[in-house]
PDB file of N, CA and C in Angstrom:
ATOM      1  N   MET A   1       0.853  -1.168   0.000  1.00  0.00           N
ATOM      2  CA  MET A   1       0.000   0.000   0.000  1.00  0.00           C
ATOM      3  C   MET A   1       0.901   1.233   0.000  1.00  0.00           C
ATOM      4  N   PRO A   2       0.625   2.176  -0.889  1.00  0.00           N
ATOM      5  CA  PRO A   2       1.430   3.406  -0.904  1.00  0.00           C
ATOM      6  C   PRO A   2       1.373   4.121   0.452  1.00  0.00           C
ATOM      7  N   GLU A   3       2.458   4.784   0.785  1.00  0.00           N
ATOM      8  CA  GLU A   3       2.577   5.447   2.080  1.00  0.00           C
ATOM      9  C   GLU A   3       1.450   6.458   2.320  1.00  0.00           C
ATOM     10  N   ARG A   4       1.080   7.193   1.296  1.00  0.00           N
ATOM     11  CA  ARG A   4       0.017   8.198   1.430  1.00  0.00           C
ATOM     12  C   ARG A   4      -1.331   7.544   1.742  1.00  0.00           C
ATOM     13  N   ALA A   5      -1.621   6.440   1.053  1.00  0.00           N
ATOM     14  CA  ALA A   5      -2.870   5.711   1.316  1.00  0.00           C
ATOM     15  C   ALA A   5      -2.850   5.116   2.715  1.00  0.00           C
ATOM     16  N   GLN A   6      -1.709   4.570   3.116  1.00  0.00           N
ATOM     17  CA  GLN A   6      -1.604   3.993   4.449  1.00  0.00           C
ATOM     18  C   GLN A   6      -1.875   5.046   5.511  1.00  0.00           C
ATOM     19  N   ALA A   7      -1.351   6.236   5.317  1.00  0.00           N
ATOM     20  CA  ALA A   7      -1.578   7.321   6.278  1.00  0.00           C
ATOM     21  C   ALA A   7      -3.055   7.682   6.351  1.00  0.00           C
ATOM     22  N   ALA A   8      -3.752   7.695   5.208  1.00  0.00           N
ATOM     23  CA  ALA A   8      -5.184   8.022   5.192  1.00  0.00           C
ATOM     24  C   ALA A   8      -5.995   6.962   5.930  1.00  0.00           C
ATOM     25  N   PHE A   9      -5.660   5.693   5.717  1.00  0.00           N
ATOM     26  CA  PHE A   9      -6.383   4.616   6.396  1.00  0.00           C
ATOM     27  C   PHE A   9      -6.094   4.628   7.892  1.00  0.00           C
ATOM     28  N   GLN A  10      -4.858   4.891   8.268  1.00  0.00           N
ATOM     29  CA  GLN A  10      -4.497   4.952   9.685  1.00  0.00           C
ATOM     30  C   GLN A  10      -5.240   6.100  10.376  1.00  0.00           C
ATOM     31  N   LEU A  11      -5.355   7.235   9.704  1.00  0.00           N
ATOM     32  CA  LEU A  11      -6.070   8.380  10.259  1.00  0.00           C
ATOM     33  C   LEU A  11      -7.555   8.064  10.432  1.00  0.00           C
ATOM     34  N   GLN A  12      -8.161   7.435   9.424  1.00  0.00           N
ATOM     35  CA  GLN A  12      -9.584   7.083   9.526  1.00  0.00           C
ATOM     36  C   GLN A  12      -9.816   6.080  10.654  1.00  0.00           C
ATOM     37  N   LEU A  13      -8.929   5.123  10.781  1.00  0.00           N
ATOM     38  CA  LEU A  13      -9.042   4.157  11.876  1.00  0.00           C
ATOM     39  C   LEU A  13      -9.007   4.881  13.212  1.00  0.00           C
ATOM     40  N   ALA A  14      -8.084   5.804  13.378  1.00  0.00           N
ATOM     41  CA  ALA A  14      -7.979   6.558  14.636  1.00  0.00           C
ATOM     42  C   ALA A  14      -9.249   7.353  14.913  1.00  0.00           C
ATOM     43  N   ARG A  15      -9.877   7.921  13.881  1.00  0.00           N
ATOM     44  CA  ARG A  15     -11.129   8.683  14.054  1.00  0.00           C
ATOM     45  C   ARG A  15     -12.258   7.811  14.558  1.00  0.00           C
ATOM     46  N   GLN A  16     -12.267   6.573  14.129  1.00  0.00           N
ATOM     47  CA  GLN A  16     -13.369   5.677  14.474  1.00  0.00           C
ATOM     48  C   GLN A  16     -13.250   5.051  15.850  1.00  0.00           C
ATOM     49  N   LEU A  17     -12.065   5.021  16.420  1.00  0.00           N
ATOM     50  CA  LEU A  17     -11.861   4.332  17.695  1.00  0.00           C
ATOM     51  C   LEU A  17     -12.044   5.297  18.855  1.00  0.00           C
ATOM     52  N   VAL A  18     -13.302   5.536  19.181  1.00  0.00           N
ATOM     53  CA  VAL A  18     -13.676   6.476  20.237  1.00  0.00           C
ATOM     54  C   VAL A  18     -13.733   5.764  21.586  1.00  0.00           C
ATOM     55  N   PRO A  19     -13.764   6.523  22.686  1.00  0.00           N
ATOM     56  CA  PRO A  19     -13.886   5.888  24.003  1.00  0.00           C
ATOM     57  C   PRO A  19     -15.076   4.930  24.032  1.00  0.00           C
ATOM     58  N   GLY A  20     -14.851   3.772  24.604  1.00  0.00           N
ATOM     59  CA  GLY A  20     -15.881   2.740  24.685  1.00  0.00           C
ATOM     60  C   GLY A  20     -15.740   1.673  23.613  1.00  0.00           C
ATOM     61  N   HIS A  21     -15.036   2.001  22.525  1.00  0.00           N
ATOM     62  CA  HIS A  21     -14.809   0.997  21.476  1.00  0.00           C
ATOM     63  C   HIS A  21     -13.774  -0.009  21.984  1.00  0.00           C
ATOM     64  N   SER A  22     -13.912  -1.271  21.568  1.00  0.00           N
ATOM     65  CA  SER A  22     -13.018  -2.324  22.059  1.00  0.00           C
ATOM     66  C   SER A  22     -11.546  -2.087  21.722  1.00  0.00           C
ATOM     67  N   LEU A  23     -11.252  -1.267  20.729  1.00  0.00           N
ATOM     68  CA  LEU A  23      -9.863  -0.994  20.361  1.00  0.00           C
ATOM     69  C   LEU A  23      -9.349   0.350  20.864  1.00  0.00           C
ATOM     70  N   PHE A  24     -10.220   1.129  21.500  1.00  0.00           N
ATOM     71  CA  PHE A  24      -9.801   2.449  21.981  1.00  0.00           C
ATOM     72  C   PHE A  24      -8.649   2.294  22.973  1.00  0.00           C
ATOM     73  N   GLY A  25      -7.614   3.094  22.779  1.00  0.00           N
ATOM     74  CA  GLY A  25      -6.477   3.082  23.682  1.00  0.00           C
ATOM     75  C   GLY A  25      -5.404   2.061  23.327  1.00  0.00           C
ATOM     76  N   HIS A  26      -5.678   1.202  22.360  1.00  0.00           N
ATOM     77  CA  HIS A  26      -4.676   0.228  21.923  1.00  0.00           C
ATOM     78  C   HIS A  26      -3.807   0.836  20.833  1.00  0.00           C
ATOM     79  N   GLN A  27      -2.562   0.422  20.800  1.00  0.00           N
ATOM     80  CA  GLN A  27      -1.667   0.782  19.703  1.00  0.00           C
ATOM     81  C   GLN A  27      -2.023  -0.129  18.540  1.00  0.00           C
ATOM     82  N   CYS A  28      -2.610   0.426  17.486  1.00  0.00           N
ATOM     83  CA  CYS A  28      -3.035  -0.342  16.313  1.00  0.00           C
ATOM     84  C   CYS A  28      -2.111  -0.018  15.146  1.00  0.00           C
ATOM     85  N   THR A  29      -1.403  -1.028  14.663  1.00  0.00           N
ATOM     86  CA  THR A  29      -0.505  -0.854  13.528  1.00  0.00           C
ATOM     87  C   THR A  29      -1.173  -1.404  12.284  1.00  0.00           C
ATOM     88  N   LEU A  30      -1.412  -0.552  11.310  1.00  0.00           N
ATOM     89  CA  LEU A  30      -2.062  -0.955  10.073  1.00  0.00           C
ATOM     90  C   LEU A  30      -1.131  -1.862   9.277  1.00  0.00           C
ATOM     91  N   LEU A  31      -1.633  -3.051   8.910  1.00  0.00           N
ATOM     92  CA  LEU A  31      -0.833  -4.002   8.143  1.00  0.00           C
ATOM     93  C   LEU A  31      -1.263  -4.077   6.687  1.00  0.00           C
ATOM     94  N   GLY A  32      -2.554  -3.848   6.416  1.00  0.00           N
ATOM     95  CA  GLY A  32      -3.023  -3.931   5.045  1.00  0.00           C
ATOM     96  C   GLY A  32      -4.510  -3.682   4.946  1.00  0.00           C
ATOM     97  N   LYS A  33      -4.989  -3.673   3.695  1.00  0.00           N
ATOM     98  CA  LYS A  33      -6.401  -3.432   3.407  1.00  0.00           C
ATOM     99  C   LYS A  33      -6.908  -4.513   2.468  1.00  0.00           C
ATOM    100  N   HIS A  34      -8.111  -4.985   2.724  1.00  0.00           N
ATOM    101  CA  HIS A  34      -8.759  -5.957   1.841  1.00  0.00           C
ATOM    102  C   HIS A  34      -9.061  -5.258   0.528  1.00  0.00           C
ATOM    103  N   ALA A  35      -8.723  -5.880  -0.584  1.00  0.00           N
ATOM    104  CA  ALA A  35      -8.891  -5.244  -1.895  1.00  0.00           C
ATOM    105  C   ALA A  35     -10.347  -5.030  -2.281  1.00  0.00           C
ATOM    106  N   GLY A  36     -11.256  -5.861  -1.784  1.00  0.00           N
ATOM    107  CA  GLY A  36     -12.650  -5.758  -2.203  1.00  0.00           C
ATOM    108  C   GLY A  36     -13.577  -5.076  -1.222  1.00  0.00           C
ATOM    109  N   THR A  37     -13.069  -4.684  -0.062  1.00  0.00           N
ATOM    110  CA  THR A  37     -13.916  -4.064   0.963  1.00  0.00           C
ATOM    111  C   THR A  37     -13.153  -2.917   1.613  1.00  0.00           C
ATOM    112  N   GLY A  38     -13.761  -2.310   2.609  1.00  0.00           N
ATOM    113  CA  GLY A  38     -13.089  -1.267   3.382  1.00  0.00           C
ATOM    114  C   GLY A  38     -12.417  -1.819   4.623  1.00  0.00           C
ATOM    115  N   ASP A  39     -12.295  -3.152   4.705  1.00  0.00           N
ATOM    116  CA  ASP A  39     -11.690  -3.761   5.887  1.00  0.00           C
ATOM    117  C   ASP A  39     -10.186  -3.551   5.910  1.00  0.00           C
ATOM    118  N   VAL A  40      -9.669  -3.252   7.088  1.00  0.00           N
ATOM    119  CA  VAL A  40      -8.228  -3.156   7.272  1.00  0.00           C
ATOM    120  C   VAL A  40      -7.795  -4.181   8.309  1.00  0.00           C
ATOM    121  N   LEU A  41      -6.564  -4.637   8.171  1.00  0.00           N
ATOM    122  CA  LEU A  41      -5.974  -5.562   9.126  1.00  0.00           C
ATOM    123  C   LEU A  41      -4.983  -4.787   9.963  1.00  0.00           C
ATOM    124  N   VAL A  42      -5.136  -4.883  11.278  1.00  0.00           N
ATOM    125  CA  VAL A  42      -4.218  -4.201  12.183  1.00  0.00           C
ATOM    126  C   VAL A  42      -3.651  -5.205  13.180  1.00  0.00           C
ATOM    127  N   ALA A  43      -2.467  -4.886  13.654  1.00  0.00           N
ATOM    128  CA  ALA A  43      -1.833  -5.668  14.716  1.00  0.00           C
ATOM    129  C   ALA A  43      -1.910  -4.840  15.991  1.00  0.00           C
ATOM    130  N   LEU A  44      -2.249  -5.515  17.079  1.00  0.00           N
ATOM    131  CA  LEU A  44      -2.259  -4.856  18.384  1.00  0.00           C
ATOM    132  C   LEU A  44      -0.918  -5.050  19.060  1.00  0.00           C
ATOM    133  N   GLU A  45      -0.645  -4.220  20.033  1.00  0.00           N
ATOM    134  CA  GLU A  45       0.619  -4.305  20.751  1.00  0.00           C
ATOM    135  C   GLU A  45       0.771  -5.624  21.489  1.00  0.00           C
ATOM    136  N   VAL A  46      -0.307  -6.336  21.714  1.00  0.00           N
ATOM    137  CA  VAL A  46      -0.249  -7.614  22.424  1.00  0.00           C
ATOM    138  C   VAL A  46      -0.083  -8.786  21.462  1.00  0.00           C
ATOM    139  N   GLY A  47       0.090  -8.503  20.168  1.00  0.00           N
ATOM    140  CA  GLY A  47       0.344  -9.553  19.193  1.00  0.00           C
ATOM    141  C   GLY A  47      -0.865 -10.100  18.468  1.00  0.00           C
ATOM    142  N   ARG A  48      -2.064  -9.713  18.881  1.00  0.00           N
ATOM    143  CA  ARG A  48      -3.263 -10.191  18.184  1.00  0.00           C
ATOM    144  C   ARG A  48      -3.478  -9.396  16.911  1.00  0.00           C
ATOM    145  N   LEU A  49      -4.217  -9.991  15.985  1.00  0.00           N
ATOM    146  CA  LEU A  49      -4.600  -9.328  14.744  1.00  0.00           C
ATOM    147  C   LEU A  49      -6.078  -9.013  14.804  1.00  0.00           C
ATOM    148  N   VAL A  50      -6.466  -7.913  14.173  1.00  0.00           N
ATOM    149  CA  VAL A  50      -7.854  -7.489  14.182  1.00  0.00           C
ATOM    150  C   VAL A  50      -8.232  -6.990  12.794  1.00  0.00           C
ATOM    151  N   VAL A  51      -9.399  -7.442  12.302  1.00  0.00           N
ATOM    152  CA  VAL A  51      -9.948  -6.910  11.061  1.00  0.00           C
ATOM    153  C   VAL A  51     -11.005  -5.887  11.452  1.00  0.00           C
ATOM    154  N   VAL A  52     -10.843  -4.677  10.941  1.00  0.00           N
ATOM    155  CA  VAL A  52     -11.750  -3.576  11.263  1.00  0.00           C
ATOM    156  C   VAL A  52     -12.339  -3.033   9.964  1.00  0.00           C
ATOM    157  N   PRO A  53     -13.669  -3.045   9.828  1.00  0.00           N
ATOM    158  CA  PRO A  53     -14.276  -2.423   8.644  1.00  0.00           C
ATOM    159  C   PRO A  53     -14.347  -0.907   8.840  1.00  0.00           C
ATOM    160  N   LEU A  54     -13.686  -0.169   7.975  1.00  0.00           N
ATOM    161  CA  LEU A  54     -13.737   1.292   8.071  1.00  0.00           C
ATOM    162  C   LEU A  54     -15.050   1.787   7.481  1.00  0.00           C
ATOM    163  N   THR A  55     -15.675   2.739   8.154  1.00  0.00           N
ATOM    164  CA  THR A  55     -16.975   3.242   7.717  1.00  0.00           C
ATOM    165  C   THR A  55     -16.867   4.529   6.921  1.00  0.00           C
ATOM    166  N   TRP A  56     -15.775   5.260   7.065  1.00  0.00           N
ATOM    167  CA  TRP A  56     -15.549   6.527   6.370  1.00  0.00           C
ATOM    168  C   TRP A  56     -16.627   7.563   6.649  1.00  0.00           C
ATOM    169  N   GLY A  57     -17.318   7.385   7.764  1.00  0.00           N
ATOM    170  CA  GLY A  57     -18.295   8.376   8.170  1.00  0.00           C
ATOM    171  C   GLY A  57     -17.651   9.392   9.094  1.00  0.00           C
ATOM    172  N   GLY A  58     -18.466   9.996   9.896  1.00  0.00           N
ATOM    173  CA  GLY A  58     -17.983  10.978  10.856  1.00  0.00           C
ATOM    174  C   GLY A  58     -17.275  10.298  12.002  1.00  0.00           C
ATOM    175  N   PRO A  59     -17.252  10.951  13.144  1.00  0.00           N
ATOM    176  CA  PRO A  59     -16.591  10.353  14.301  1.00  0.00           C
ATOM    177  C   PRO A  59     -17.185   8.981  14.595  1.00  0.00           C
ATOM    178  N   GLY A  60     -16.386   8.141  15.175  1.00  0.00           N
ATOM    179  CA  GLY A  60     -16.820   6.780  15.464  1.00  0.00           C
ATOM    180  C   GLY A  60     -17.924   6.702  16.489  1.00  0.00           C
ATOM    181  N   ASP A  61     -18.396   5.519  16.666  1.00  0.00           N
ATOM    182  CA  ASP A  61     -19.425   5.170  17.632  1.00  0.00           C
ATOM    183  C   ASP A  61     -18.838   3.995  18.402  1.00  0.00           C
ATOM    184  N   ALA A  62     -18.991   3.954  19.699  1.00  0.00           N
ATOM    185  CA  ALA A  62     -18.377   2.898  20.505  1.00  0.00           C
ATOM    186  C   ALA A  62     -18.827   1.502  20.056  1.00  0.00           C
ATOM    187  N   ARG A  63     -19.985   1.409  19.401  1.00  0.00           N
ATOM    188  CA  ARG A  63     -20.480   0.101  18.954  1.00  0.00           C
ATOM    189  C   ARG A  63     -19.943  -0.291  17.585  1.00  0.00           C
ATOM    190  N   TYR A  64     -19.445   0.678  16.834  1.00  0.00           N
ATOM    191  CA  TYR A  64     -18.995   0.417  15.466  1.00  0.00           C
ATOM    192  C   TYR A  64     -17.617   1.026  15.260  1.00  0.00           C
ATOM    193  N   PRO A  65     -16.817   0.550  14.408  1.00  0.00           N
ATOM    194  CA  PRO A  65     -17.074  -0.627  13.599  1.00  0.00           C
ATOM    195  C   PRO A  65     -16.852  -1.910  14.402  1.00  0.00           C
ATOM    196  N   HIS A  66     -17.622  -2.931  14.064  1.00  0.00           N
ATOM    197  CA  HIS A  66     -17.414  -4.233  14.687  1.00  0.00           C
ATOM    198  C   HIS A  66     -16.055  -4.747  14.232  1.00  0.00           C
ATOM    199  N   SER A  67     -15.353  -5.382  15.110  1.00  0.00           N
ATOM    200  CA  SER A  67     -14.019  -5.862  14.793  1.00  0.00           C
ATOM    201  C   SER A  67     -13.945  -7.361  15.008  1.00  0.00           C
ATOM    202  N   ALA A  68     -13.171  -8.030  14.190  1.00  0.00           N
ATOM    203  CA  ALA A  68     -12.960  -9.470  14.319  1.00  0.00           C
ATOM    204  C   ALA A  68     -11.535  -9.694  14.825  1.00  0.00           C
ATOM    205  N   PHE A  69     -11.414 -10.345  15.963  1.00  0.00           N
ATOM    206  CA  PHE A  69     -10.123 -10.561  16.606  1.00  0.00           C
ATOM    207  C   PHE A  69      -9.587 -11.960  16.292  1.00  0.00           C
ATOM    208  N   PHE A  70      -8.273 -12.045  16.084  1.00  0.00           N
ATOM    209  CA  PHE A  70      -7.601 -13.304  15.807  1.00  0.00           C
ATOM    210  C   PHE A  70      -6.353 -13.371  16.684  1.00  0.00           C
ATOM    211  N   PRO A  71      -6.133 -14.484  17.375  1.00  0.00           N
ATOM    212  CA  PRO A  71      -4.996 -14.557  18.296  1.00  0.00           C
ATOM    213  C   PRO A  71      -3.638 -14.591  17.613  1.00  0.00           C
ATOM    214  N   ASP A  72      -3.595 -15.041  16.349  1.00  0.00           N
ATOM    215  CA  ASP A  72      -2.313 -15.146  15.658  1.00  0.00           C
ATOM    216  C   ASP A  72      -2.543 -15.269  14.148  1.00  0.00           C
ATOM    217  N   TRP A  73      -1.419 -15.311  13.396  1.00  0.00           N
ATOM    218  CA  TRP A  73      -1.505 -15.383  11.935  1.00  0.00           C
ATOM    219  C   TRP A  73      -2.171 -16.668  11.460  1.00  0.00           C
ATOM    220  N   ALA A  74      -1.919 -17.767  12.114  1.00  0.00           N
ATOM    221  CA  ALA A  74      -2.508 -19.048  11.693  1.00  0.00           C
ATOM    222  C   ALA A  74      -4.026 -18.995  11.792  1.00  0.00           C
ATOM    223  N   ASP A  75      -4.529 -18.457  12.875  1.00  0.00           N
ATOM    224  CA  ASP A  75      -5.981 -18.342  13.043  1.00  0.00           C
ATOM    225  C   ASP A  75      -6.572 -17.377  12.013  1.00  0.00           C
ATOM    226  N   PHE A  76      -5.901 -16.261  11.775  1.00  0.00           N
ATOM    227  CA  PHE A  76      -6.367 -15.299  10.774  1.00  0.00           C
ATOM    228  C   PHE A  76      -6.417 -15.955   9.394  1.00  0.00           C
ATOM    229  N   ALA A  77      -5.364 -16.668   9.028  1.00  0.00           N
ATOM    230  CA  ALA A  77      -5.304 -17.301   7.710  1.00  0.00           C
ATOM    231  C   ALA A  77      -6.407 -18.344   7.544  1.00  0.00           C
ATOM    232  N   ALA A  78      -6.623 -19.152   8.552  1.00  0.00           N
ATOM    233  CA  ALA A  78      -7.615 -20.229   8.463  1.00  0.00           C
ATOM    234  C   ALA A  78      -9.045 -19.720   8.519  1.00  0.00           C
ATOM    235  N   ASN A  79      -9.285 -18.722   9.351  1.00  0.00           N
ATOM    236  CA  ASN A  79     -10.669 -18.309   9.600  1.00  0.00           C
ATOM    237  C   ASN A  79     -11.107 -17.031   8.917  1.00  0.00           C
ATOM    238  N   ARG A  80     -10.177 -16.327   8.277  1.00  0.00           N
ATOM    239  CA  ARG A  80     -10.563 -15.119   7.550  1.00  0.00           C
ATOM    240  C   ARG A  80     -10.061 -15.153   6.107  1.00  0.00           C
ATOM    241  N   MET A  81      -8.775 -15.364   5.929  1.00  0.00           N
ATOM    242  CA  MET A  81      -8.222 -15.349   4.579  1.00  0.00           C
ATOM    243  C   MET A  81      -8.771 -16.475   3.718  1.00  0.00           C
ATOM    244  N   ALA A  82      -8.775 -17.680   4.237  1.00  0.00           N
ATOM    245  CA  ALA A  82      -9.236 -18.830   3.450  1.00  0.00           C
ATOM    246  C   ALA A  82     -10.696 -18.661   3.023  1.00  0.00           C
ATOM    247  N   PRO A  83     -11.610 -18.320   3.932  1.00  0.00           N
ATOM    248  CA  PRO A  83     -12.992 -18.113   3.502  1.00  0.00           C
ATOM    249  C   PRO A  83     -13.151 -16.962   2.486  1.00  0.00           C
ATOM    250  N   ASP A  84     -12.352 -15.906   2.636  1.00  0.00           N
ATOM    251  CA  ASP A  84     -12.430 -14.785   1.695  1.00  0.00           C
ATOM    252  C   ASP A  84     -12.049 -15.211   0.284  1.00  0.00           C
ATOM    253  N   THR A  85     -11.115 -16.117   0.160  1.00  0.00           N
ATOM    254  CA  THR A  85     -10.686 -16.532  -1.187  1.00  0.00           C
ATOM    255  C   THR A  85     -11.774 -17.292  -1.917  1.00  0.00           C
ATOM    256  N   LEU A  86     -12.710 -17.881  -1.202  1.00  0.00           N
ATOM    257  CA  LEU A  86     -13.788 -18.626  -1.845  1.00  0.00           C
ATOM    258  C   LEU A  86     -14.659 -17.728  -2.727  1.00  0.00           C
ATOM    259  N   ASP A  87     -14.695 -16.443  -2.401  1.00  0.00           N
ATOM    260  CA  ASP A  87     -15.468 -15.488  -3.209  1.00  0.00           C
ATOM    261  C   ASP A  87     -14.851 -15.285  -4.586  1.00  0.00           C
ATOM    262  N   TYR A  88     -13.606 -15.673  -4.757  1.00  0.00           N
ATOM    263  CA  TYR A  88     -12.904 -15.421  -6.012  1.00  0.00           C
ATOM    264  C   TYR A  88     -12.682 -16.680  -6.843  1.00  0.00           C
ATOM    265  N   LEU A  89     -13.193 -17.796  -6.406  1.00  0.00           N
ATOM    266  CA  LEU A  89     -13.014 -19.041  -7.147  1.00  0.00           C
ATOM    267  C   LEU A  89     -14.112 -19.245  -8.162  1.00  0.00           C
TER     268      LEU A  89
END
């Protein structure tokens, strides 16, 4: 992902993570973006991975965006990446 795009996605993620959201206060490092959706993959400081759908709306809401947590890369690959590829077969 180009550096400029990465900065835009990181900024939008920060806007959405308001107090009360499950990711608020965590150090979220943007790793990538799903090519077909607004979902981004972030790593938390504790080593877990999280898929967050960006809404591109105004300030966040503590209930949204819903996030999918994965304890490690193996779990992410098996339970998120593999099912996503089925849409392209």
